[in-house]
């Protein structure tokens, strides 16, 4: 029997602790924020997702209390185990994408004509980690005076949203590029699918990701993609090599105070993350426009791989295999469909 609890609501956690038994498997998605994690009876599995490559010792020590740690990428496992957790205690359980909601069926014909107005899309909350500054500089250099190319930005933020939106508008205004357009407001999943499909290419110069949901959704829709190949998204980008444009980058120390405060209160060193090369990004965007018919075909190839290998059904399958392999579940037969 599967029971869900909200770990951020005290009554819910109290109920979990009261009703837990030694036979339970408790899978925690709340992470370090919840101090009651290992008070629950039974075996405890912690889902560990992070963007930085140097973890606080207190966080690693806390994870060591778990019976098993899941992380969505081989990159993440490398961070957790070097140094820190024993390799056998960490399993890679990739996240997924809803292939029924994000698919290429509404994309233009691969061999069709290039659009009269070319639209790039960048989707991801407005913060230093997403690389917006590098994106705006590259776009201004490549297309700042070209009305036939637009950049659409969907960058809402779940904390202090009004201040964040104002800061984004100010940043765009500083570049004085009229063909950058900001999309705002909450979207349902079907509306998000429409946003992906009005674009002609997706651009993602992110500094670091635990997984990169906007990127994998864009690729699932068959959207030609330009992306930094680093951190958590390498788990699926390595499966579609040659079907997306990688952005040249260098690794730089993490200095963003907002990010550092959010992820760690016990260390001032979060390691390094990627910084996209602005000149290379500008060139890749130019190439995407000029070679768009070719990249449409490659994007459809990427979509097939993504939707096949990274479905949520596949994620559930991998998670069950992990529990059985680690001895937390007895060997059982199960179907690939859920």
Protein backbone atom coordinates (compact mmCIF):
# COMPACT_ATOMS: atom_id res chain seq x y z
CA UNK A 1 0.00 0.00 0.00
CA UNK A 2 1.30 3.45 -0.94
CA UNK A 3 0.54 6.34 1.45
CA UNK A 4 1.64 9.95 0.90
CA UNK A 5 2.47 12.42 3.67
CA UNK A 6 3.35 16.11 3.48
CA UNK A 7 6.64 16.44 5.38
CA UNK A 8 6.19 20.20 5.75
CA UNK A 9 2.98 19.85 7.76
CA UNK A 10 3.49 18.92 11.41
CA UNK A 11 0.28 16.85 11.80
CA UNK A 12 1.19 14.83 8.72
CA UNK A 13 4.71 14.06 9.97
CA UNK A 14 3.40 13.18 13.43
CA UNK A 15 0.94 10.75 11.86
CA UNK A 16 3.71 9.16 9.80
CA UNK A 17 5.94 8.69 12.85
CA UNK A 18 3.07 7.27 14.88
CA UNK A 19 1.89 4.81 12.22
CA UNK A 20 5.30 3.74 10.85
CA UNK A 21 6.41 0.16 11.35
CA UNK A 22 9.72 -1.72 10.95
CA UNK A 23 8.41 -3.25 7.69
CA UNK A 24 7.87 0.15 6.03
CA UNK A 25 9.93 1.71 3.26
CA UNK A 26 9.90 5.49 3.69
CA UNK A 27 10.93 7.50 0.62
CA UNK A 28 11.76 11.09 1.56
CA UNK A 29 11.57 13.90 -0.99
CA UNK A 30 11.78 16.70 1.58
CA UNK A 31 15.48 16.28 2.11
CA UNK A 32 17.64 18.06 4.65
CA UNK A 33 14.84 20.45 5.65
CA UNK A 34 13.04 17.78 7.70
CA UNK A 35 14.63 16.76 10.98
CA UNK A 36 12.20 13.87 11.56
CA UNK A 37 13.35 11.83 8.59
CA UNK A 38 15.19 9.09 10.46
CA UNK A 39 12.76 8.92 13.37
CA UNK A 40 10.36 6.94 11.18
CA UNK A 41 10.46 3.18 11.74
CA UNK A 42 11.44 1.01 8.80
CA UNK A 43 13.97 1.59 6.01
CA UNK A 44 14.53 5.17 4.87
CA UNK A 45 15.35 6.16 1.30
CA UNK A 46 16.32 9.78 0.58
CA UNK A 47 15.88 11.43 -2.82
CA UNK A 48 18.91 13.72 -3.19
CA UNK A 49 18.84 16.36 -5.95
CA UNK A 50 21.27 19.29 -6.08
CA UNK A 51 22.92 21.63 -8.60
CA UNK A 52 26.27 22.34 -6.97
CA UNK A 53 29.30 20.05 -7.02
CA UNK A 54 30.54 20.56 -3.45
CA UNK A 55 28.12 19.47 -0.74
CA UNK A 56 28.10 20.63 2.87
CA UNK A 57 29.63 18.03 5.23
CA UNK A 58 26.55 18.28 7.45
CA UNK A 59 24.35 17.26 4.52
CA UNK A 60 26.56 14.28 3.63
CA UNK A 61 26.62 13.17 7.29
CA UNK A 62 22.84 13.38 7.37
CA UNK A 63 22.52 11.28 4.22
CA UNK A 64 24.77 8.66 5.79
CA UNK A 65 21.93 7.85 8.19
CA UNK A 66 19.74 6.70 5.31
CA UNK A 67 19.51 3.08 4.21
CA UNK A 68 19.66 4.15 0.57
CA UNK A 69 20.13 7.41 -1.37
CA UNK A 70 18.65 8.02 -4.82
CA UNK A 71 19.94 10.72 -7.15
CA UNK A 72 18.85 11.29 -10.77
CA UNK A 73 22.21 11.23 -12.57
CA UNK A 74 25.61 9.58 -12.65
CA UNK A 75 27.01 13.11 -12.24
CA UNK A 76 25.09 13.43 -8.96
CA UNK A 77 26.28 10.04 -7.75
CA UNK A 78 29.85 11.10 -8.41
CA UNK A 79 29.39 14.19 -6.23
CA UNK A 80 27.82 12.16 -3.41
CA UNK A 81 30.50 9.48 -3.35
CA UNK A 82 33.67 11.52 -3.91
CA UNK A 83 34.26 11.86 -1.04
CA UNK A 84 31.28 11.10 1.19
CA UNK A 85 28.86 8.21 0.83
CA UNK A 86 29.79 4.65 0.01
CA UNK A 87 29.15 3.99 -3.68
CA UNK A 88 26.97 0.99 -2.88
CA UNK A 89 24.64 3.17 -0.83
CA UNK A 90 23.77 5.46 -3.78
CA UNK A 91 21.69 4.44 -6.79
CA UNK A 92 20.97 6.49 -9.90
CA UNK A 93 17.21 6.75 -10.44
CA UNK A 94 16.70 9.18 -13.34
CA UNK A 95 13.73 11.49 -13.35
CA UNK A 96 11.42 11.40 -16.34
CA UNK A 97 9.20 13.32 -18.69
CA UNK A 98 5.49 12.85 -19.39
CA UNK A 99 5.64 11.57 -22.96
CA UNK A 100 1.86 11.85 -23.35
CA UNK A 101 1.92 15.54 -22.46
CA UNK A 102 5.16 16.49 -24.24
CA UNK A 103 5.52 15.02 -27.73
CA UNK A 104 6.45 16.20 -31.26
CA UNK A 105 3.08 15.64 -32.91
CA UNK A 106 2.46 19.39 -33.30
CA UNK A 107 5.94 20.25 -34.56
CA UNK A 108 6.34 21.53 -38.15
CA UNK A 109 7.22 19.00 -40.86
CA UNK A 110 10.99 18.30 -40.68
CA UNK A 111 11.48 19.15 -44.33
CA UNK A 112 9.25 22.22 -44.30
CA UNK A 113 10.29 25.78 -44.97
CA UNK A 114 12.02 27.85 -42.30
CA UNK A 115 9.65 30.18 -40.41
CA UNK A 116 9.34 33.80 -41.49
CA UNK A 117 9.93 34.88 -37.88
CA UNK A 118 12.26 32.62 -35.90
CA UNK A 119 11.50 32.25 -32.18
CA UNK A 120 13.97 31.04 -29.57
CA UNK A 121 12.55 29.99 -26.20
CA UNK A 122 14.21 29.93 -22.78
CA UNK A 123 12.18 28.57 -19.87
CA UNK A 124 13.37 28.49 -16.28
CA UNK A 125 12.98 30.61 -13.15
CA UNK A 126 14.85 33.90 -13.14
CA UNK A 127 18.05 33.46 -11.15
CA UNK A 128 21.78 33.60 -11.68
CA UNK A 129 21.99 29.81 -12.01
CA UNK A 130 20.01 29.77 -15.27
CA UNK A 131 22.53 31.89 -17.22
CA UNK A 132 20.18 34.67 -18.36
CA UNK A 133 22.93 37.28 -18.47
CA UNK A 134 24.99 35.17 -20.89
CA UNK A 135 21.89 34.44 -22.97
CA UNK A 136 20.90 38.10 -23.33
CA UNK A 137 24.44 39.13 -24.24
CA UNK A 138 24.69 36.40 -26.88
CA UNK A 139 21.26 37.14 -28.34
CA UNK A 140 21.94 40.87 -28.50
CA UNK A 141 25.21 40.21 -30.34
CA UNK A 142 23.64 37.78 -32.79
CA UNK A 143 20.17 39.24 -33.44
CA UNK A 144 19.83 42.54 -31.58
CA UNK A 145 18.93 44.41 -34.78
CA UNK A 146 17.09 41.60 -36.57
CA UNK A 147 13.27 41.82 -36.25
CA UNK A 148 12.96 38.40 -37.92
CA UNK A 149 14.36 36.65 -34.81
CA UNK A 150 12.78 36.77 -31.34
CA UNK A 151 13.67 35.45 -27.92
CA UNK A 152 10.78 34.38 -25.69
CA UNK A 153 11.45 34.18 -21.95
CA UNK A 154 9.24 32.33 -19.44
CA UNK A 155 10.94 32.94 -16.12
CA UNK A 156 8.55 33.16 -13.19
CA UNK A 157 9.93 32.48 -9.71
CA UNK A 158 8.12 30.90 -6.77
CA UNK A 159 9.73 33.19 -4.16
CA UNK A 160 9.27 37.00 -4.12
CA UNK A 161 7.76 36.87 -7.58
CA UNK A 162 7.03 40.57 -8.11
CA UNK A 163 10.58 41.60 -7.22
CA UNK A 164 11.99 38.90 -9.48
CA UNK A 165 9.82 39.95 -12.42
CA UNK A 166 10.89 43.56 -11.98
CA UNK A 167 14.55 42.54 -11.90
CA UNK A 168 14.10 40.51 -15.10
CA UNK A 169 12.41 43.42 -16.88
CA UNK A 170 15.24 45.73 -15.77
CA UNK A 171 17.88 43.34 -17.09
CA UNK A 172 16.16 43.04 -20.48
CA UNK A 173 15.74 46.82 -20.68
CA UNK A 174 19.48 47.35 -20.12
CA UNK A 175 20.26 45.46 -23.32
CA UNK A 176 17.88 47.68 -25.35
CA UNK A 177 16.89 44.76 -27.56
CA UNK A 178 13.23 45.08 -28.61
CA UNK A 179 12.93 41.49 -29.83
CA UNK A 180 13.21 39.91 -26.36
CA UNK A 181 9.72 39.19 -24.99
CA UNK A 182 8.83 38.10 -21.45
CA UNK A 183 5.91 35.70 -20.86
CA UNK A 184 4.36 35.76 -17.39
CA UNK A 185 1.69 33.98 -15.40
CA UNK A 186 0.96 30.46 -14.22
CA UNK A 187 0.40 27.90 -16.98
CA UNK A 188 -1.41 24.61 -17.03
CA UNK A 189 0.49 21.71 -18.54
CA UNK A 190 -1.38 21.90 -21.83
CA UNK A 191 -0.63 25.62 -22.02
CA UNK A 192 3.04 24.95 -21.40
CA UNK A 193 2.96 22.46 -24.29
CA UNK A 194 1.64 25.27 -26.51
CA UNK A 195 4.52 27.53 -25.47
CA UNK A 196 7.04 24.87 -26.49
CA UNK A 197 5.30 24.51 -29.83
CA UNK A 198 5.17 28.18 -30.80
CA UNK A 199 8.97 28.24 -30.53
CA UNK A 200 11.36 27.15 -33.25
CA UNK A 201 14.31 26.33 -31.00
CA UNK A 202 15.06 25.98 -27.28
CA UNK A 203 18.14 27.58 -25.74
CA UNK A 204 19.36 26.62 -22.26
CA UNK A 205 22.67 28.16 -21.09
CA UNK A 206 22.11 27.00 -17.50
CA UNK A 207 25.04 26.98 -15.11
CA UNK A 208 23.92 23.85 -13.27
CA UNK A 209 20.94 21.53 -12.93
CA UNK A 210 19.91 18.69 -10.70
CA UNK A 211 17.94 17.35 -13.66
CA UNK A 212 16.69 20.15 -15.94
CA UNK A 213 12.96 19.54 -16.42
CA UNK A 214 12.38 22.39 -18.94
CA UNK A 215 15.20 21.06 -21.10
CA UNK A 216 13.97 17.47 -21.20
CA UNK A 217 10.39 18.63 -21.83
CA UNK A 218 11.54 20.79 -24.73
CA UNK A 219 13.49 17.89 -26.21
CA UNK A 220 10.53 15.55 -25.79
CA UNK A 221 8.42 17.92 -27.89
CA UNK A 222 10.98 17.68 -30.70
CA UNK A 223 12.21 21.24 -30.25
CA UNK A 224 15.72 21.82 -31.71
CA UNK A 225 17.93 22.56 -28.74
CA UNK A 226 21.07 24.46 -27.75
CA UNK A 227 22.26 23.60 -24.23
CA UNK A 228 25.18 23.48 -21.82
CA UNK A 229 26.17 19.84 -21.43
CA UNK A 230 27.10 19.81 -17.76
CA UNK A 231 25.77 18.63 -14.35
CA UNK A 232 22.51 16.69 -13.96
CA UNK A 233 21.23 17.04 -17.53
CA UNK A 234 24.19 15.01 -18.79
CA UNK A 235 22.20 11.92 -17.80
CA UNK A 236 19.92 12.30 -20.82
CA UNK A 237 22.04 14.51 -23.07
CA UNK A 238 24.61 11.71 -23.35
CA UNK A 239 21.86 9.60 -24.94
CA UNK A 240 21.19 12.15 -27.71
CA UNK A 241 24.73 13.25 -28.58
CA UNK A 242 24.79 14.85 -32.02
CA UNK A 243 21.08 15.70 -31.84
CA UNK A 244 21.52 18.97 -29.89
CA UNK A 245 24.01 21.85 -30.04
CA UNK A 246 26.35 21.92 -27.01
CA UNK A 247 27.41 25.34 -25.75
CA UNK A 248 31.09 25.80 -24.95
CA UNK A 249 31.58 26.67 -21.28
CA UNK A 250 34.14 26.98 -18.51
CA UNK A 251 33.80 26.06 -14.85
CA UNK A 252 33.83 29.02 -12.43
CA UNK A 253 33.46 29.29 -8.64
CA UNK A 254 29.89 29.66 -7.38
CA UNK A 255 29.64 33.20 -6.00
CA UNK A 256 25.90 33.90 -6.19
CA UNK A 257 24.79 34.82 -2.62
CA UNK A 258 21.16 33.93 -3.28
CA UNK A 259 22.02 30.43 -4.44
CA UNK A 260 24.53 29.84 -1.66
CA UNK A 261 22.07 30.93 1.02
CA UNK A 262 19.36 28.70 -0.45
CA UNK A 263 21.38 25.49 -0.62
CA UNK A 264 23.62 25.72 2.41
CA UNK A 265 23.74 27.45 5.76
CA UNK A 266 26.84 25.56 6.89
CA UNK A 267 29.41 26.31 4.19
CA UNK A 268 30.49 29.19 2.03
CA UNK A 269 32.02 26.92 -0.60
CA UNK A 270 29.54 25.31 -2.99
CA UNK A 271 32.15 24.40 -5.60
CA UNK A 272 31.92 25.39 -9.24
CA UNK A 273 29.36 25.57 -12.02
CA UNK A 274 29.35 26.24 -15.75
CA UNK A 275 29.51 29.62 -17.44
CA UNK A 276 28.43 29.62 -21.08
CA UNK A 277 30.84 31.13 -23.60
CA UNK A 278 28.95 34.14 -24.96
CA UNK A 279 30.63 34.17 -28.37
CA UNK A 280 30.05 30.46 -28.87
CA UNK A 281 26.41 30.76 -27.79
CA UNK A 282 25.84 33.61 -30.24
CA UNK A 283 27.39 31.54 -33.03
CA UNK A 284 25.33 28.46 -32.15
CA UNK A 285 22.14 30.53 -32.26
CA UNK A 286 23.08 31.87 -35.70
CA UNK A 287 23.76 28.33 -36.90
CA UNK A 288 20.43 27.14 -35.54
CA UNK A 289 18.60 29.73 -37.63
CA UNK A 290 20.58 29.07 -40.80
CA UNK A 291 20.51 25.26 -40.45
CA UNK A 292 17.07 24.91 -38.98
CA UNK A 293 15.69 22.31 -41.40
CA UNK A 294 18.57 19.94 -40.56
CA UNK A 295 18.14 20.46 -36.81
CA UNK A 296 14.40 19.77 -37.02
CA UNK A 297 15.23 16.24 -38.17
CA UNK A 298 17.82 15.75 -35.43
CA UNK A 299 15.39 17.06 -32.81
CA UNK A 300 12.83 14.43 -33.79
CA UNK A 301 15.48 11.75 -33.34
CA UNK A 302 16.25 13.16 -29.89
CA UNK A 303 12.54 13.21 -29.02
CA UNK A 304 12.18 9.50 -29.76
CA UNK A 305 15.11 8.63 -27.52
CA UNK A 306 13.99 10.90 -24.68
CA UNK A 307 10.38 9.68 -24.65
CA UNK A 308 11.46 6.04 -24.81
CA UNK A 309 14.27 5.99 -22.26
CA UNK A 310 13.07 8.61 -19.78
CA UNK A 311 9.38 7.96 -19.25
CA UNK A 312 8.04 8.06 -15.69
CA UNK A 313 7.19 4.38 -16.13
CA UNK A 314 10.89 3.72 -16.68
CA UNK A 315 11.68 5.76 -13.54
CA UNK A 316 9.32 3.61 -11.45
CA UNK A 317 10.85 0.47 -12.91
CA UNK A 318 14.37 1.63 -12.00
CA UNK A 319 13.29 2.59 -8.47
CA UNK A 320 11.78 -0.85 -7.84
CA UNK A 321 14.89 -2.56 -9.19
CA UNK A 322 17.00 -0.44 -6.82
CA UNK A 323 14.92 -1.42 -3.79
CA UNK A 324 15.16 -5.11 -4.71
CA UNK A 325 18.90 -4.96 -5.43
CA UNK A 326 19.56 -3.19 -2.11
CA UNK A 327 17.55 -5.82 -0.22
CA UNK A 328 14.83 -3.41 0.87
CA UNK A 329 12.20 -5.35 -1.09
CA UNK A 330 12.05 -9.08 -1.74
CA UNK A 331 12.48 -10.16 -5.37
CA UNK A 332 9.17 -9.72 -7.17
CA UNK A 333 7.93 -9.75 -10.75
CA UNK A 334 6.44 -6.51 -11.99
CA UNK A 335 5.23 -5.14 -15.29
CA UNK A 336 6.88 -2.23 -17.10
CA UNK A 337 3.56 -0.37 -17.27
CA UNK A 338 1.98 1.39 -14.28
